[in-house]
Amino acid sequence: MAEMTVSEARKKFSDPMGKVQYGREDVTIIRHGKPVAVVIPAEACVFYQSLWDAQLVREIEAHEASPDYDPNDTISAKDLFAQLRAEEAAEAAE
């Protein structure tokens, strides 16, 4: 995987784009010594999205197979997003 600083990427964005598009190489953009972004081929993005979607389907199916699942149980969007944010914060704290 190639690396370049934000300044280098800003000056010559065609360089990392060429590496990604033609060389099929991921390029990590570094700021202050830490990675802040990764430029990947479009096909890789589609692939990663399909993995994410498949994982989401598995989680939904597992939830619906749970003995506690009630299809009539509802939650407001506000409460749902609050619950999701709380779960994300708990995972980030681990």
PDB file of N, CA and C in Angstrom:
ATOM      1  N   MET A   1       0.843  -1.171   0.000  1.00  0.00           N
ATOM      2  CA  MET A   1       0.000   0.000   0.000  1.00  0.00           C
ATOM      3  C   MET A   1       0.888   1.234   0.000  1.00  0.00           C
ATOM      4  N   ALA A   2       0.637   2.125  -0.923  1.00  0.00           N
ATOM      5  CA  ALA A   2       1.405   3.367  -1.012  1.00  0.00           C
ATOM      6  C   ALA A   2       0.905   4.361   0.037  1.00  0.00           C
ATOM      7  N   GLU A   3       1.783   5.249   0.443  1.00  0.00           N
ATOM      8  CA  GLU A   3       1.417   6.306   1.389  1.00  0.00           C
ATOM      9  C   GLU A   3       1.879   7.641   0.837  1.00  0.00           C
ATOM     10  N   MET A   4       1.134   8.683   1.150  1.00  0.00           N
ATOM     11  CA  MET A   4       1.554  10.043   0.826  1.00  0.00           C
ATOM     12  C   MET A   4       0.901  10.993   1.815  1.00  0.00           C
ATOM     13  N   THR A   5       1.546  12.119   2.006  1.00  0.00           N
ATOM     14  CA  THR A   5       1.004  13.096   2.939  1.00  0.00           C
ATOM     15  C   THR A   5      -0.156  13.840   2.286  1.00  0.00           C
ATOM     16  N   VAL A   6      -0.918  14.530   3.103  1.00  0.00           N
ATOM     17  CA  VAL A   6      -2.016  15.346   2.599  1.00  0.00           C
ATOM     18  C   VAL A   6      -1.480  16.392   1.635  1.00  0.00           C
ATOM     19  N   SER A   7      -0.339  17.001   1.975  1.00  0.00           N
ATOM     20  CA  SER A   7       0.250  18.021   1.103  1.00  0.00           C
ATOM     21  C   SER A   7       0.618  17.450  -0.254  1.00  0.00           C
ATOM     22  N   GLU A   8       1.228  16.261  -0.263  1.00  0.00           N
ATOM     23  CA  GLU A   8       1.588  15.629  -1.532  1.00  0.00           C
ATOM     24  C   GLU A   8       0.334  15.308  -2.357  1.00  0.00           C
ATOM     25  N   ALA A   9      -0.679  14.790  -1.689  1.00  0.00           N
ATOM     26  CA  ALA A   9      -1.917  14.437  -2.393  1.00  0.00           C
ATOM     27  C   ALA A   9      -2.579  15.690  -2.964  1.00  0.00           C
ATOM     28  N   ARG A  10      -2.512  16.790  -2.218  1.00  0.00           N
ATOM     29  CA  ARG A  10      -3.119  18.037  -2.672  1.00  0.00           C
ATOM     30  C   ARG A  10      -2.399  18.571  -3.918  1.00  0.00           C
ATOM     31  N   LYS A  11      -1.078  18.475  -3.908  1.00  0.00           N
ATOM     32  CA  LYS A  11      -0.298  18.994  -5.033  1.00  0.00           C
ATOM     33  C   LYS A  11      -0.464  18.161  -6.295  1.00  0.00           C
ATOM     34  N   LYS A  12      -0.491  16.861  -6.126  1.00  0.00           N
ATOM     35  CA  LYS A  12      -0.520  15.960  -7.290  1.00  0.00           C
ATOM     36  C   LYS A  12      -1.558  14.868  -7.079  1.00  0.00           C
ATOM     37  N   PHE A  13      -2.818  15.229  -7.047  1.00  0.00           N
ATOM     38  CA  PHE A  13      -3.852  14.229  -6.796  1.00  0.00           C
ATOM     39  C   PHE A  13      -3.914  13.190  -7.906  1.00  0.00           C
ATOM     40  N   SER A  14      -3.427  13.537  -9.086  1.00  0.00           N
ATOM     41  CA  SER A  14      -3.444  12.559 -10.177  1.00  0.00           C
ATOM     42  C   SER A  14      -2.505  11.384  -9.891  1.00  0.00           C
ATOM     43  N   ASP A  15      -1.452  11.597  -9.089  1.00  0.00           N
ATOM     44  CA  ASP A  15      -0.527  10.499  -8.776  1.00  0.00           C
ATOM     45  C   ASP A  15      -1.219   9.366  -8.012  1.00  0.00           C
ATOM     46  N   PRO A  16      -1.877   9.669  -6.863  1.00  0.00           N
ATOM     47  CA  PRO A  16      -2.546   8.557  -6.178  1.00  0.00           C
ATOM     48  C   PRO A  16      -3.705   7.990  -6.991  1.00  0.00           C
ATOM     49  N   MET A  17      -4.371   8.842  -7.759  1.00  0.00           N
ATOM     50  CA  MET A  17      -5.476   8.343  -8.583  1.00  0.00           C
ATOM     51  C   MET A  17      -4.967   7.357  -9.623  1.00  0.00           C
ATOM     52  N   GLY A  18      -3.827   7.632 -10.222  1.00  0.00           N
ATOM     53  CA  GLY A  18      -3.240   6.724 -11.199  1.00  0.00           C
ATOM     54  C   GLY A  18      -2.833   5.403 -10.558  1.00  0.00           C
ATOM     55  N   LYS A  19      -2.239   5.482  -9.351  1.00  0.00           N
ATOM     56  CA  LYS A  19      -1.853   4.259  -8.651  1.00  0.00           C
ATOM     57  C   LYS A  19      -3.066   3.396  -8.349  1.00  0.00           C
ATOM     58  N   VAL A  20      -4.149   4.037  -7.960  1.00  0.00           N
ATOM     59  CA  VAL A  20      -5.368   3.306  -7.620  1.00  0.00           C
ATOM     60  C   VAL A  20      -6.042   2.761  -8.876  1.00  0.00           C
ATOM     61  N   GLN A  21      -6.209   3.616  -9.866  1.00  0.00           N
ATOM     62  CA  GLN A  21      -6.949   3.220 -11.064  1.00  0.00           C
ATOM     63  C   GLN A  21      -6.187   2.229 -11.931  1.00  0.00           C
ATOM     64  N   TYR A  22      -4.920   2.493 -12.181  1.00  0.00           N
ATOM     65  CA  TYR A  22      -4.173   1.664 -13.129  1.00  0.00           C
ATOM     66  C   TYR A  22      -3.296   0.621 -12.444  1.00  0.00           C
ATOM     67  N   GLY A  23      -2.773   0.956 -11.282  1.00  0.00           N
ATOM     68  CA  GLY A  23      -1.897   0.019 -10.593  1.00  0.00           C
ATOM     69  C   GLY A  23      -2.630  -0.863  -9.602  1.00  0.00           C
ATOM     70  N   ARG A  24      -3.934  -0.598  -9.428  1.00  0.00           N
ATOM     71  CA  ARG A  24      -4.746  -1.363  -8.470  1.00  0.00           C
ATOM     72  C   ARG A  24      -4.085  -1.386  -7.090  1.00  0.00           C
ATOM     73  N   GLU A  25      -3.577  -0.230  -6.702  1.00  0.00           N
ATOM     74  CA  GLU A  25      -2.868  -0.100  -5.433  1.00  0.00           C
ATOM     75  C   GLU A  25      -3.637   0.871  -4.544  1.00  0.00           C
ATOM     76  N   ASP A  26      -3.880   0.496  -3.299  1.00  0.00           N
ATOM     77  CA  ASP A  26      -4.499   1.409  -2.345  1.00  0.00           C
ATOM     78  C   ASP A  26      -3.481   2.477  -1.961  1.00  0.00           C
ATOM     79  N   VAL A  27      -3.951   3.677  -1.690  1.00  0.00           N
ATOM     80  CA  VAL A  27      -3.067   4.766  -1.279  1.00  0.00           C
ATOM     81  C   VAL A  27      -3.588   5.346   0.028  1.00  0.00           C
ATOM     82  N   THR A  28      -2.747   5.317   1.052  1.00  0.00           N
ATOM     83  CA  THR A  28      -3.100   5.875   2.352  1.00  0.00           C
ATOM     84  C   THR A  28      -2.628   7.317   2.414  1.00  0.00           C
ATOM     85  N   ILE A  29      -3.517   8.218   2.800  1.00  0.00           N
ATOM     86  CA  ILE A  29      -3.180   9.632   2.951  1.00  0.00           C
ATOM     87  C   ILE A  29      -2.860   9.871   4.430  1.00  0.00           C
ATOM     88  N   ILE A  30      -1.692  10.459   4.670  1.00  0.00           N
ATOM     89  CA  ILE A  30      -1.175  10.651   6.025  1.00  0.00           C
ATOM     90  C   ILE A  30      -1.194  12.134   6.396  1.00  0.00           C
ATOM     91  N   ARG A  31      -1.646  12.436   7.601  1.00  0.00           N
ATOM     92  CA  ARG A  31      -1.576  13.807   8.139  1.00  0.00           C
ATOM     93  C   ARG A  31      -0.962  13.723   9.533  1.00  0.00           C
ATOM     94  N   HIS A  32       0.085  14.470   9.743  1.00  0.00           N
ATOM     95  CA  HIS A  32       0.794  14.486  11.026  1.00  0.00           C
ATOM     96  C   HIS A  32       1.174  13.073  11.473  1.00  0.00           C
ATOM     97  N   GLY A  33       1.606  12.252  10.493  1.00  0.00           N
ATOM     98  CA  GLY A  33       2.075  10.915  10.806  1.00  0.00           C
ATOM     99  C   GLY A  33       0.999   9.861  11.010  1.00  0.00           C
ATOM    100  N   LYS A  34      -0.271  10.260  10.867  1.00  0.00           N
ATOM    101  CA  LYS A  34      -1.367   9.308  11.087  1.00  0.00           C
ATOM    102  C   LYS A  34      -2.224   9.185   9.836  1.00  0.00           C
ATOM    103  N   PRO A  35      -2.690   7.977   9.535  1.00  0.00           N
ATOM    104  CA  PRO A  35      -3.561   7.814   8.364  1.00  0.00           C
ATOM    105  C   PRO A  35      -4.912   8.493   8.584  1.00  0.00           C
ATOM    106  N   VAL A  36      -5.355   9.263   7.571  1.00  0.00           N
ATOM    107  CA  VAL A  36      -6.642   9.952   7.664  1.00  0.00           C
ATOM    108  C   VAL A  36      -7.621   9.504   6.591  1.00  0.00           C
ATOM    109  N   ALA A  37      -7.105   8.870   5.536  1.00  0.00           N
ATOM    110  CA  ALA A  37      -7.975   8.408   4.453  1.00  0.00           C
ATOM    111  C   ALA A  37      -7.229   7.355   3.640  1.00  0.00           C
ATOM    112  N   VAL A  38      -8.013   6.541   2.959  1.00  0.00           N
ATOM    113  CA  VAL A  38      -7.452   5.568   2.037  1.00  0.00           C
ATOM    114  C   VAL A  38      -8.207   5.687   0.726  1.00  0.00           C
ATOM    115  N   VAL A  39      -7.465   5.845  -0.359  1.00  0.00           N
ATOM    116  CA  VAL A  39      -8.059   5.894  -1.694  1.00  0.00           C
ATOM    117  C   VAL A  39      -7.956   4.474  -2.248  1.00  0.00           C
ATOM    118  N   ILE A  40      -9.108   3.910  -2.621  1.00  0.00           N
ATOM    119  CA  ILE A  40      -9.146   2.535  -3.105  1.00  0.00           C
ATOM    120  C   ILE A  40      -9.849   2.490  -4.459  1.00  0.00           C
ATOM    121  N   PRO A  41      -9.629   1.426  -5.231  1.00  0.00           N
ATOM    122  CA  PRO A  41     -10.338   1.299  -6.499  1.00  0.00           C
ATOM    123  C   PRO A  41     -11.854   1.212  -6.276  1.00  0.00           C
ATOM    124  N   ALA A  42     -12.616   1.691  -7.237  1.00  0.00           N
ATOM    125  CA  ALA A  42     -14.075   1.669  -7.130  1.00  0.00           C
ATOM    126  C   ALA A  42     -14.585   0.245  -6.927  1.00  0.00           C
ATOM    127  N   GLU A  43     -13.957  -0.736  -7.610  1.00  0.00           N
ATOM    128  CA  GLU A  43     -14.402  -2.123  -7.469  1.00  0.00           C
ATOM    129  C   GLU A  43     -14.246  -2.593  -6.027  1.00  0.00           C
ATOM    130  N   ALA A  44     -13.174  -2.160  -5.370  1.00  0.00           N
ATOM    131  CA  ALA A  44     -12.960  -2.541  -3.972  1.00  0.00           C
ATOM    132  C   ALA A  44     -14.043  -1.939  -3.093  1.00  0.00           C
ATOM    133  N   CYS A  45     -14.418  -0.714  -3.376  1.00  0.00           N
ATOM    134  CA  CYS A  45     -15.478  -0.059  -2.606  1.00  0.00           C
ATOM    135  C   CYS A  45     -16.790  -0.825  -2.749  1.00  0.00           C
ATOM    136  N   VAL A  46     -17.116  -1.223  -3.961  1.00  0.00           N
ATOM    137  CA  VAL A  46     -18.336  -2.002  -4.203  1.00  0.00           C
ATOM    138  C   VAL A  46     -18.269  -3.325  -3.443  1.00  0.00           C
ATOM    139  N   PHE A  47     -17.106  -3.969  -3.474  1.00  0.00           N
ATOM    140  CA  PHE A  47     -16.925  -5.235  -2.770  1.00  0.00           C
ATOM    141  C   PHE A  47     -17.113  -5.044  -1.263  1.00  0.00           C
ATOM    142  N   TYR A  48     -16.465  -4.024  -0.689  1.00  0.00           N
ATOM    143  CA  TYR A  48     -16.587  -3.776   0.749  1.00  0.00           C
ATOM    144  C   TYR A  48     -18.030  -3.453   1.126  1.00  0.00           C
ATOM    145  N   GLN A  49     -18.723  -2.711   0.273  1.00  0.00           N
ATOM    146  CA  GLN A  49     -20.122  -2.400   0.545  1.00  0.00           C
ATOM    147  C   GLN A  49     -20.969  -3.666   0.537  1.00  0.00           C
ATOM    148  N   SER A  50     -20.686  -4.592  -0.386  1.00  0.00           N
ATOM    149  CA  SER A  50     -21.450  -5.846  -0.425  1.00  0.00           C
ATOM    150  C   SER A  50     -21.193  -6.668   0.837  1.00  0.00           C
ATOM    151  N   LEU A  51     -19.954  -6.649   1.352  1.00  0.00           N
ATOM    152  CA  LEU A  51     -19.663  -7.340   2.609  1.00  0.00           C
ATOM    153  C   LEU A  51     -20.444  -6.724   3.759  1.00  0.00           C
ATOM    154  N   TRP A  52     -20.474  -5.407   3.802  1.00  0.00           N
ATOM    155  CA  TRP A  52     -21.213  -4.685   4.842  1.00  0.00           C
ATOM    156  C   TRP A  52     -22.702  -5.031   4.759  1.00  0.00           C
ATOM    157  N   ASP A  53     -23.249  -5.015   3.538  1.00  0.00           N
ATOM    158  CA  ASP A  53     -24.662  -5.333   3.353  1.00  0.00           C
ATOM    159  C   ASP A  53     -24.969  -6.761   3.798  1.00  0.00           C
ATOM    160  N   ALA A  54     -24.091  -7.709   3.443  1.00  0.00           N
ATOM    161  CA  ALA A  54     -24.300  -9.106   3.821  1.00  0.00           C
ATOM    162  C   ALA A  54     -24.266  -9.262   5.341  1.00  0.00           C
ATOM    163  N   GLN A  55     -23.359  -8.546   5.990  1.00  0.00           N
ATOM    164  CA  GLN A  55     -23.285  -8.589   7.455  1.00  0.00           C
ATOM    165  C   GLN A  55     -24.567  -8.030   8.059  1.00  0.00           C
ATOM    166  N   LEU A  56     -25.068  -6.954   7.513  1.00  0.00           N
ATOM    167  CA  LEU A  56     -26.307  -6.355   8.012  1.00  0.00           C
ATOM    168  C   LEU A  56     -27.471  -7.332   7.867  1.00  0.00           C
ATOM    169  N   VAL A  57     -27.561  -8.006   6.729  1.00  0.00           N
ATOM    170  CA  VAL A  57     -28.625  -9.001   6.515  1.00  0.00           C
ATOM    171  C   VAL A  57     -28.520 -10.113   7.554  1.00  0.00           C
ATOM    172  N   ARG A  58     -27.287 -10.602   7.813  1.00  0.00           N
ATOM    173  CA  ARG A  58     -27.111 -11.658   8.815  1.00  0.00           C
ATOM    174  C   ARG A  58     -27.566 -11.196  10.194  1.00  0.00           C
ATOM    175  N   GLU A  59     -27.249  -9.959  10.539  1.00  0.00           N
ATOM    176  CA  GLU A  59     -27.654  -9.440  11.841  1.00  0.00           C
ATOM    177  C   GLU A  59     -29.172  -9.319  11.946  1.00  0.00           C
ATOM    178  N   ILE A  60     -29.813  -8.869  10.882  1.00  0.00           N
ATOM    179  CA  ILE A  60     -31.276  -8.760  10.883  1.00  0.00           C
ATOM    180  C   ILE A  60     -31.909 -10.143  11.000  1.00  0.00           C
ATOM    181  N   GLU A  61     -31.402 -11.107  10.224  1.00  0.00           N
ATOM    182  CA  GLU A  61     -31.943 -12.467  10.277  1.00  0.00           C
ATOM    183  C   GLU A  61     -31.759 -13.079  11.662  1.00  0.00           C
ATOM    184  N   ALA A  62     -30.607 -12.853  12.285  1.00  0.00           N
ATOM    185  CA  ALA A  62     -30.365 -13.368  13.631  1.00  0.00           C
ATOM    186  C   ALA A  62     -31.328 -12.730  14.624  1.00  0.00           C
ATOM    187  N   HIS A  63     -31.558 -11.441  14.481  1.00  0.00           N
ATOM    188  CA  HIS A  63     -32.496 -10.743  15.373  1.00  0.00           C
ATOM    189  C   HIS A  63     -33.907 -11.289  15.202  1.00  0.00           C
ATOM    190  N   GLU A  64     -34.323 -11.475  13.960  1.00  0.00           N
ATOM    191  CA  GLU A  64     -35.669 -11.980  13.702  1.00  0.00           C
ATOM    192  C   GLU A  64     -35.840 -13.431  14.137  1.00  0.00           C
ATOM    193  N   ALA A  65     -34.768 -14.196  14.227  1.00  0.00           N
ATOM    194  CA  ALA A  65     -34.831 -15.583  14.671  1.00  0.00           C
ATOM    195  C   ALA A  65     -34.829 -15.698  16.194  1.00  0.00           C
ATOM    196  N   SER A  66     -34.549 -14.592  16.872  1.00  0.00           N
ATOM    197  CA  SER A  66     -34.498 -14.590  18.327  1.00  0.00           C
ATOM    198  C   SER A  66     -35.886 -14.865  18.906  1.00  0.00           C
ATOM    199  N   PRO A  67     -35.945 -15.646  19.994  1.00  0.00           N
ATOM    200  CA  PRO A  67     -37.254 -15.914  20.612  1.00  0.00           C
ATOM    201  C   PRO A  67     -37.912 -14.654  21.167  1.00  0.00           C
ATOM    202  N   ASP A  68     -37.126 -13.613  21.420  1.00  0.00           N
ATOM    203  CA  ASP A  68     -37.668 -12.359  21.950  1.00  0.00           C
ATOM    204  C   ASP A  68     -38.196 -11.436  20.860  1.00  0.00           C
ATOM    205  N   TYR A  69     -38.005 -11.820  19.591  1.00  0.00           N
ATOM    206  CA  TYR A  69     -38.412 -10.957  18.471  1.00  0.00           C
ATOM    207  C   TYR A  69     -39.930 -10.856  18.389  1.00  0.00           C
ATOM    208  N   ASP A  70     -40.424  -9.636  18.310  1.00  0.00           N
ATOM    209  CA  ASP A  70     -41.856  -9.376  18.135  1.00  0.00           C
ATOM    210  C   ASP A  70     -41.993  -8.420  16.955  1.00  0.00           C
ATOM    211  N   PRO A  71     -42.539  -8.895  15.823  1.00  0.00           N
ATOM    212  CA  PRO A  71     -42.649  -8.020  14.647  1.00  0.00           C
ATOM    213  C   PRO A  71     -43.569  -6.826  14.868  1.00  0.00           C
ATOM    214  N   ASN A  72     -44.381  -6.878  15.927  1.00  0.00           N
ATOM    215  CA  ASN A  72     -45.285  -5.760  16.216  1.00  0.00           C
ATOM    216  C   ASN A  72     -44.654  -4.736  17.151  1.00  0.00           C
ATOM    217  N   ASP A  73     -43.474  -5.049  17.673  1.00  0.00           N
ATOM    218  CA  ASP A  73     -42.771  -4.131  18.560  1.00  0.00           C
ATOM    219  C   ASP A  73     -42.166  -3.006  17.714  1.00  0.00           C
ATOM    220  N   THR A  74     -42.456  -1.785  18.052  1.00  0.00           N
ATOM    221  CA  THR A  74     -41.948  -0.651  17.267  1.00  0.00           C
ATOM    222  C   THR A  74     -41.109   0.268  18.145  1.00  0.00           C
ATOM    223  N   ILE A  75     -40.314   1.079  17.478  1.00  0.00           N
ATOM    224  CA  ILE A  75     -39.471   2.063  18.151  1.00  0.00           C
ATOM    225  C   ILE A  75     -39.435   3.303  17.267  1.00  0.00           C
ATOM    226  N   SER A  76     -39.435   4.455  17.876  1.00  0.00           N
ATOM    227  CA  SER A  76     -39.389   5.688  17.089  1.00  0.00           C
ATOM    228  C   SER A  76     -38.010   5.840  16.470  1.00  0.00           C
ATOM    229  N   ALA A  77     -37.936   6.565  15.382  1.00  0.00           N
ATOM    230  CA  ALA A  77     -36.655   6.810  14.724  1.00  0.00           C
ATOM    231  C   ALA A  77     -35.692   7.512  15.682  1.00  0.00           C
ATOM    232  N   LYS A  78     -36.206   8.446  16.449  1.00  0.00           N
ATOM    233  CA  LYS A  78     -35.372   9.178  17.409  1.00  0.00           C
ATOM    234  C   LYS A  78     -34.748   8.212  18.417  1.00  0.00           C
ATOM    235  N   ASP A  79     -35.553   7.309  18.959  1.00  0.00           N
ATOM    236  CA  ASP A  79     -35.049   6.334  19.929  1.00  0.00           C
ATOM    237  C   ASP A  79     -34.093   5.336  19.275  1.00  0.00           C
ATOM    238  N   LEU A  80     -34.409   4.939  18.051  1.00  0.00           N
ATOM    239  CA  LEU A  80     -33.551   4.003  17.331  1.00  0.00           C
ATOM    240  C   LEU A  80     -32.154   4.587  17.135  1.00  0.00           C
ATOM    241  N   PHE A  81     -32.095   5.832  16.657  1.00  0.00           N
ATOM    242  CA  PHE A  81     -30.793   6.453  16.421  1.00  0.00           C
ATOM    243  C   PHE A  81     -30.047   6.695  17.728  1.00  0.00           C
ATOM    244  N   ALA A  82     -30.765   7.013  18.791  1.00  0.00           N
ATOM    245  CA  ALA A  82     -30.120   7.180  20.090  1.00  0.00           C
ATOM    246  C   ALA A  82     -29.521   5.852  20.558  1.00  0.00           C
ATOM    247  N   GLN A  83     -30.263   4.766  20.350  1.00  0.00           N
ATOM    248  CA  GLN A  83     -29.772   3.440  20.722  1.00  0.00           C
ATOM    249  C   GLN A  83     -28.546   3.063  19.890  1.00  0.00           C
ATOM    250  N   LEU A  84     -28.582   3.335  18.588  1.00  0.00           N
ATOM    251  CA  LEU A  84     -27.444   3.024  17.721  1.00  0.00           C
ATOM    252  C   LEU A  84     -26.207   3.825  18.117  1.00  0.00           C
ATOM    253  N   ARG A  85     -26.399   5.115  18.429  1.00  0.00           N
ATOM    254  CA  ARG A  85     -25.266   5.940  18.855  1.00  0.00           C
ATOM    255  C   ARG A  85     -24.669   5.418  20.157  1.00  0.00           C
ATOM    256  N   ALA A  86     -25.528   4.993  21.072  1.00  0.00           N
ATOM    257  CA  ALA A  86     -25.041   4.451  22.347  1.00  0.00           C
ATOM    258  C   ALA A  86     -24.250   3.163  22.129  1.00  0.00           C
ATOM    259  N   GLU A  87     -24.738   2.294  21.231  1.00  0.00           N
ATOM    260  CA  GLU A  87     -24.019   1.052  20.930  1.00  0.00           C
ATOM    261  C   GLU A  87     -22.678   1.340  20.273  1.00  0.00           C
ATOM    262  N   GLU A  88     -22.642   2.297  19.360  1.00  0.00           N
ATOM    263  CA  GLU A  88     -21.384   2.664  18.706  1.00  0.00           C
ATOM    264  C   GLU A  88     -20.389   3.223  19.716  1.00  0.00           C
ATOM    265  N   ALA A  89     -20.878   4.043  20.641  1.00  0.00           N
ATOM    266  CA  ALA A  89     -19.996   4.625  21.658  1.00  0.00           C
ATOM    267  C   ALA A  89     -19.442   3.527  22.554  1.00  0.00           C
ATOM    268  N   ALA A  90     -20.271   2.553  22.898  1.00  0.00           N
ATOM    269  CA  ALA A  90     -19.814   1.447  23.750  1.00  0.00           C
ATOM    270  C   ALA A  90     -18.767   0.606  23.025  1.00  0.00           C
ATOM    271  N   GLU A  91     -18.972   0.365  21.714  1.00  0.00           N
ATOM    272  CA  GLU A  91     -17.997  -0.402  20.932  1.00  0.00           C
ATOM    273  C   GLU A  91     -16.689   0.371  20.805  1.00  0.00           C
ATOM    274  N   ALA A  92     -16.771   1.671  20.636  1.00  0.00           N
ATOM    275  CA  ALA A  92     -15.570   2.492  20.489  1.00  0.00           C
ATOM    276  C   ALA A  92     -14.782   2.522  21.802  1.00  0.00           C
ATOM    277  N   ALA A  93     -15.466   2.431  22.924  1.00  0.00           N
ATOM    278  CA  ALA A  93     -14.810   2.481  24.227  1.00  0.00           C
ATOM    279  C   ALA A  93     -14.075   1.180  24.544  1.00  0.00           C
ATOM    280  N   GLU A  94     -14.419   0.099  23.848  1.00  0.00           N
ATOM    281  CA  GLU A  94     -13.785  -1.206  24.123  1.00  0.00           C
ATOM    282  C   GLU A  94     -12.368  -1.267  23.651  1.00  0.00           C
TER     283      GLU A  94
END
